[in-house]
Each structure stands twice: as C-alpha cells, then as structure tokens.
Amino acid sequence: MAGQMWINLPVKDLNKSKKFFKEIGFTLNQVPGNADDKASLVIGDKNVVVMLFPESDFKKFLGNSISDSANGTEVLFTIGTDRKEEVDEMVAKVMNAGGIIYGKPHDNGWMYGAGFADLDGHRWNVLYMDMSKFPAE
C-alpha cells in the first residue's frame, strides 16, 4: 500500500457506480476491499485506487458532511492519457455509461482534454499533454 494513491468517494448507489467505472475502463482491484458495502477500483497502472462507499458509510469515517456535488466542486480528478484518441474514447465510454460531459474535447495546441461528471456528480478531466509543444516561457 505504500506509495499508492487512494481516492475515497461517496456514492448514492454502489452497484450503479461500480458498473459505471468499470464501463469507462477502471478495473476491479484484486485485493480485499470489494464487498457488498464498498468497491475498490484501479485507474491505469500507476497505483491509483478509487474506493467507492455508500454515502452513509462514508459519513461514518469522514467526521463532517459530504459536499453537495450538484451545487459545487471540491476537487477535480485528472486522468492522463498517452494519445488524443484516448480522450475521445473515454468521452464516448462516459456518455455510454450514463455520465455527463461538462467540457467537450478541446485542443489548445499542446493539451487536449475533456471534462465529465460521474453518476454522483464528481468531476473528472481526461487529458493528453504533448510536452514537445509546451509553450516556452
């Protein structure tokens, strides 16, 4: 577990959220953590784990209230890609899985990305950066 990044998210419907993240390319984490009351998923191959908890369970260890993601954003998660096409592929998967695209794919010359919200309104970016085109300072 040392060196891993764990993102813990509250969800309204664990089964629907687990299905959503699997459909957009996350994989089930093959460690203890997948059960009827939580899900552990992995993003890519960089040791980033997303844990999904029903809101009622999340509140128990949080110590305060859960932010209302329908009315504000506390954090923005970004998923890096190796190619522009992967951004477009992720956008298509998110749309097919029931997510919301809040930022259509766009290109600013060295960066190509899009933004989406998952089923619970958590905001995510998917981003490709071509560092060879990064503007000189």
C-alpha atoms as a PDB file:
ATOM      1  CA  MET A   1       0.000   0.000   0.000  1.00  0.00           C
ATOM      2  CA  ALA A   2       2.978   2.343   0.466  1.00  0.00           C
ATOM      3  CA  GLY A   3       3.331   4.713  -2.474  1.00  0.00           C
ATOM      4  CA  GLN A   4      -0.230   4.194  -3.651  1.00  0.00           C
ATOM      5  CA  MET A   5      -2.765   6.995  -4.045  1.00  0.00           C
ATOM      6  CA  TRP A   6      -6.240   6.162  -2.728  1.00  0.00           C
ATOM      7  CA  ILE A   7      -9.239   8.299  -3.655  1.00  0.00           C
ATOM      8  CA  ASN A   8     -12.300   7.661  -1.480  1.00  0.00           C
ATOM      9  CA  LEU A   9     -15.656   8.756  -2.915  1.00  0.00           C
ATOM     10  CA  PRO A  10     -19.184   8.685  -1.528  1.00  0.00           C
ATOM     11  CA  VAL A  11     -21.780   7.288  -3.921  1.00  0.00           C
ATOM     12  CA  LYS A  12     -25.555   7.127  -3.827  1.00  0.00           C
ATOM     13  CA  ASP A  13     -25.844   3.693  -5.472  1.00  0.00           C
ATOM     14  CA  LEU A  14     -22.757   1.492  -5.102  1.00  0.00           C
ATOM     15  CA  ASN A  15     -23.736  -1.059  -7.745  1.00  0.00           C
ATOM     16  CA  LYS A  16     -24.558   1.566 -10.390  1.00  0.00           C
ATOM     17  CA  SER A  17     -21.328   3.474  -9.658  1.00  0.00           C
ATOM     18  CA  LYS A  18     -19.228   0.319  -9.768  1.00  0.00           C
ATOM     19  CA  LYS A  19     -20.772  -0.574 -13.134  1.00  0.00           C
ATOM     20  CA  PHE A  20     -20.157   2.983 -14.438  1.00  0.00           C
ATOM     21  CA  PHE A  21     -16.461   2.991 -13.540  1.00  0.00           C
ATOM     22  CA  LYS A  22     -15.922  -0.491 -14.959  1.00  0.00           C
ATOM     23  CA  GLU A  23     -17.608   0.588 -18.213  1.00  0.00           C
ATOM     24  CA  ILE A  24     -15.286   3.577 -18.616  1.00  0.00           C
ATOM     25  CA  GLY A  25     -12.187   1.434 -18.165  1.00  0.00           C
ATOM     26  CA  PHE A  26     -11.399   1.137 -14.463  1.00  0.00           C
ATOM     27  CA  THR A  27     -10.661  -2.382 -13.246  1.00  0.00           C
ATOM     28  CA  LEU A  28     -11.653  -4.094 -10.027  1.00  0.00           C
ATOM     29  CA  ASN A  29      -8.794  -4.083  -7.559  1.00  0.00           C
ATOM     30  CA  GLN A  30      -7.871  -7.669  -6.739  1.00  0.00           C
ATOM     31  CA  VAL A  31      -7.329  -7.022  -3.031  1.00  0.00           C
ATOM     32  CA  PRO A  32      -9.650  -7.064  -0.054  1.00  0.00           C
ATOM     33  CA  GLY A  33     -11.887  -4.056  -0.410  1.00  0.00           C
ATOM     34  CA  ASN A  34     -14.509  -5.301  -2.818  1.00  0.00           C
ATOM     35  CA  ALA A  35     -17.642  -6.263  -0.937  1.00  0.00           C
ATOM     36  CA  ASP A  36     -21.365  -5.574  -0.852  1.00  0.00           C
ATOM     37  CA  ASP A  37     -20.722  -2.337   1.053  1.00  0.00           C
ATOM     38  CA  LYS A  38     -17.754  -0.915  -0.918  1.00  0.00           C
ATOM     39  CA  ALA A  39     -15.816  -1.224  -4.158  1.00  0.00           C
ATOM     40  CA  SER A  40     -12.124  -0.885  -4.941  1.00  0.00           C
ATOM     41  CA  LEU A  41     -11.143   0.039  -8.492  1.00  0.00           C
ATOM     42  CA  VAL A  42      -7.813   0.835 -10.147  1.00  0.00           C
ATOM     43  CA  ILE A  43      -7.089   3.596 -12.665  1.00  0.00           C
ATOM     44  CA  GLY A  44      -4.430   2.611 -15.202  1.00  0.00           C
ATOM     45  CA  ASP A  45      -1.146   1.174 -13.975  1.00  0.00           C
ATOM     46  CA  LYS A  46       0.122   3.925 -11.656  1.00  0.00           C
ATOM     47  CA  ASN A  47      -1.092   2.548  -8.322  1.00  0.00           C
ATOM     48  CA  VAL A  48      -4.105   4.849  -8.054  1.00  0.00           C
ATOM     49  CA  VAL A  49      -7.057   3.213  -6.331  1.00  0.00           C
ATOM     50  CA  VAL A  50     -10.608   4.574  -6.223  1.00  0.00           C
ATOM     51  CA  MET A  51     -12.694   3.345  -3.310  1.00  0.00           C
ATOM     52  CA  LEU A  52     -16.468   3.760  -3.567  1.00  0.00           C
ATOM     53  CA  PHE A  53     -18.534   3.856  -0.384  1.00  0.00           C
ATOM     54  CA  PRO A  54     -22.259   4.345   0.125  1.00  0.00           C
ATOM     55  CA  GLU A  55     -22.792   7.876   1.462  1.00  0.00           C
ATOM     56  CA  SER A  56     -24.000   6.562   4.834  1.00  0.00           C
ATOM     57  CA  ASP A  57     -20.761   4.608   5.363  1.00  0.00           C
ATOM     58  CA  PHE A  58     -18.607   7.473   4.068  1.00  0.00           C
ATOM     59  CA  LYS A  59     -20.135   9.855   6.637  1.00  0.00           C
ATOM     60  CA  LYS A  60     -19.163   7.499   9.477  1.00  0.00           C
ATOM     61  CA  PHE A  61     -15.411   7.974   8.970  1.00  0.00           C
ATOM     62  CA  LEU A  62     -15.482  11.461   7.441  1.00  0.00           C
ATOM     63  CA  GLY A  63     -16.198  13.470  10.596  1.00  0.00           C
ATOM     64  CA  ASN A  64     -18.186  16.136   8.741  1.00  0.00           C
ATOM     65  CA  SER A  65     -20.785  16.454   5.983  1.00  0.00           C
ATOM     66  CA  ILE A  66     -20.403  15.390   2.370  1.00  0.00           C
ATOM     67  CA  SER A  67     -20.142  18.186  -0.186  1.00  0.00           C
ATOM     68  CA  ASP A  68     -23.135  18.581  -2.474  1.00  0.00           C
ATOM     69  CA  SER A  69     -21.563  17.833  -5.853  1.00  0.00           C
ATOM     70  CA  ALA A  70     -24.703  19.036  -7.650  1.00  0.00           C
ATOM     71  CA  ASN A  71     -24.048  22.594  -6.444  1.00  0.00           C
ATOM     72  CA  GLY A  72     -20.284  22.851  -6.114  1.00  0.00           C
ATOM     73  CA  THR A  73     -16.979  21.150  -6.765  1.00  0.00           C
ATOM     74  CA  GLU A  74     -14.497  20.370  -4.021  1.00  0.00           C
ATOM     75  CA  VAL A  75     -11.925  18.546  -6.130  1.00  0.00           C
ATOM     76  CA  LEU A  76     -11.218  17.826  -9.798  1.00  0.00           C
ATOM     77  CA  PHE A  77      -9.588  14.492 -10.656  1.00  0.00           C
ATOM     78  CA  THR A  78      -7.491  14.268 -13.819  1.00  0.00           C
ATOM     79  CA  ILE A  79      -6.718  11.094 -15.745  1.00  0.00           C
ATOM     80  CA  GLY A  80      -3.747  11.330 -18.104  1.00  0.00           C
ATOM     81  CA  THR A  81      -3.635   9.618 -21.489  1.00  0.00           C
ATOM     82  CA  ASP A  82      -0.895   8.769 -23.981  1.00  0.00           C
ATOM     83  CA  ARG A  83      -2.819   9.913 -27.086  1.00  0.00           C
ATOM     84  CA  LYS A  84      -5.564  12.375 -28.061  1.00  0.00           C
ATOM     85  CA  GLU A  85      -7.667   9.480 -29.290  1.00  0.00           C
ATOM     86  CA  GLU A  86      -7.810   8.087 -25.754  1.00  0.00           C
ATOM     87  CA  VAL A  87      -9.511  11.289 -24.619  1.00  0.00           C
ATOM     88  CA  ASP A  88     -12.198  10.833 -27.250  1.00  0.00           C
ATOM     89  CA  GLU A  89     -12.540   7.137 -26.377  1.00  0.00           C
ATOM     90  CA  MET A  90     -13.048   7.968 -22.691  1.00  0.00           C
ATOM     91  CA  VAL A  91     -15.660  10.618 -23.545  1.00  0.00           C
ATOM     92  CA  ALA A  92     -17.598   8.058 -25.608  1.00  0.00           C
ATOM     93  CA  LYS A  93     -17.402   5.490 -22.786  1.00  0.00           C
ATOM     94  CA  VAL A  94     -18.580   8.033 -20.208  1.00  0.00           C
ATOM     95  CA  MET A  95     -21.550   9.035 -22.358  1.00  0.00           C
ATOM     96  CA  ASN A  96     -22.489   5.376 -22.968  1.00  0.00           C
ATOM     97  CA  ALA A  97     -22.208   4.624 -19.238  1.00  0.00           C
ATOM     98  CA  GLY A  98     -24.544   7.476 -18.239  1.00  0.00           C
ATOM     99  CA  GLY A  99     -22.049  10.142 -17.201  1.00  0.00           C
ATOM    100  CA  ILE A 100     -22.288  13.820 -18.130  1.00  0.00           C
ATOM    101  CA  ILE A 101     -19.785  15.608 -20.364  1.00  0.00           C
ATOM    102  CA  TYR A 102     -19.444  19.127 -18.946  1.00  0.00           C
ATOM    103  CA  GLY A 103     -16.401  20.057 -21.063  1.00  0.00           C
ATOM    104  CA  LYS A 104     -16.337  18.812 -24.646  1.00  0.00           C
ATOM    105  CA  PRO A 105     -12.953  17.730 -26.040  1.00  0.00           C
ATOM    106  CA  HIS A 106     -10.829  20.749 -26.853  1.00  0.00           C
ATOM    107  CA  ASP A 107      -7.313  21.388 -28.088  1.00  0.00           C
ATOM    108  CA  ASN A 108      -5.169  24.337 -27.006  1.00  0.00           C
ATOM    109  CA  GLY A 109      -2.117  23.350 -29.035  1.00  0.00           C
ATOM    110  CA  TRP A 110      -0.172  21.289 -26.510  1.00  0.00           C
ATOM    111  CA  MET A 111      -3.016  19.988 -24.370  1.00  0.00           C
ATOM    112  CA  TYR A 112      -6.142  18.097 -25.419  1.00  0.00           C
ATOM    113  CA  GLY A 113      -8.793  17.279 -22.891  1.00  0.00           C
ATOM    114  CA  ALA A 114     -12.396  16.971 -21.830  1.00  0.00           C
ATOM    115  CA  GLY A 115     -14.351  17.033 -18.594  1.00  0.00           C
ATOM    116  CA  PHE A 116     -17.021  14.700 -17.264  1.00  0.00           C
ATOM    117  CA  ALA A 117     -19.099  14.090 -14.173  1.00  0.00           C
ATOM    118  CA  ASP A 118     -19.709  10.589 -12.865  1.00  0.00           C
ATOM    119  CA  LEU A 119     -23.117   9.361 -11.673  1.00  0.00           C
ATOM    120  CA  ASP A 120     -22.726  11.204  -8.356  1.00  0.00           C
ATOM    121  CA  GLY A 121     -21.543  14.486  -9.852  1.00  0.00           C
ATOM    122  CA  HIS A 122     -17.845  14.079  -9.005  1.00  0.00           C
ATOM    123  CA  ARG A 123     -15.877  15.954 -11.660  1.00  0.00           C
ATOM    124  CA  TRP A 124     -13.092  14.403 -13.714  1.00  0.00           C
ATOM    125  CA  ASN A 125     -10.790  15.554 -16.529  1.00  0.00           C
ATOM    126  CA  VAL A 126      -9.261  13.288 -19.104  1.00  0.00           C
ATOM    127  CA  LEU A 127      -6.165  14.892 -20.575  1.00  0.00           C
ATOM    128  CA  TYR A 128      -3.433  14.378 -23.149  1.00  0.00           C
ATOM    129  CA  MET A 129      -0.379  16.666 -22.993  1.00  0.00           C
ATOM    130  CA  ASP A 130       2.148  16.923 -25.823  1.00  0.00           C
ATOM    131  CA  MET A 131       5.128  18.316 -23.928  1.00  0.00           C
ATOM    132  CA  SER A 132       7.053  18.832 -27.189  1.00  0.00           C
ATOM    133  CA  LYS A 133       4.556  21.620 -27.959  1.00  0.00           C
ATOM    134  CA  PHE A 134       4.598  23.124 -24.449  1.00  0.00           C
ATOM    135  CA  PRO A 135       4.942  26.913 -24.783  1.00  0.00           C
ATOM    136  CA  ALA A 136       8.393  28.287 -23.953  1.00  0.00           C
ATOM    137  CA  GLU A 137       8.445  30.677 -21.023  1.00  0.00           C
END
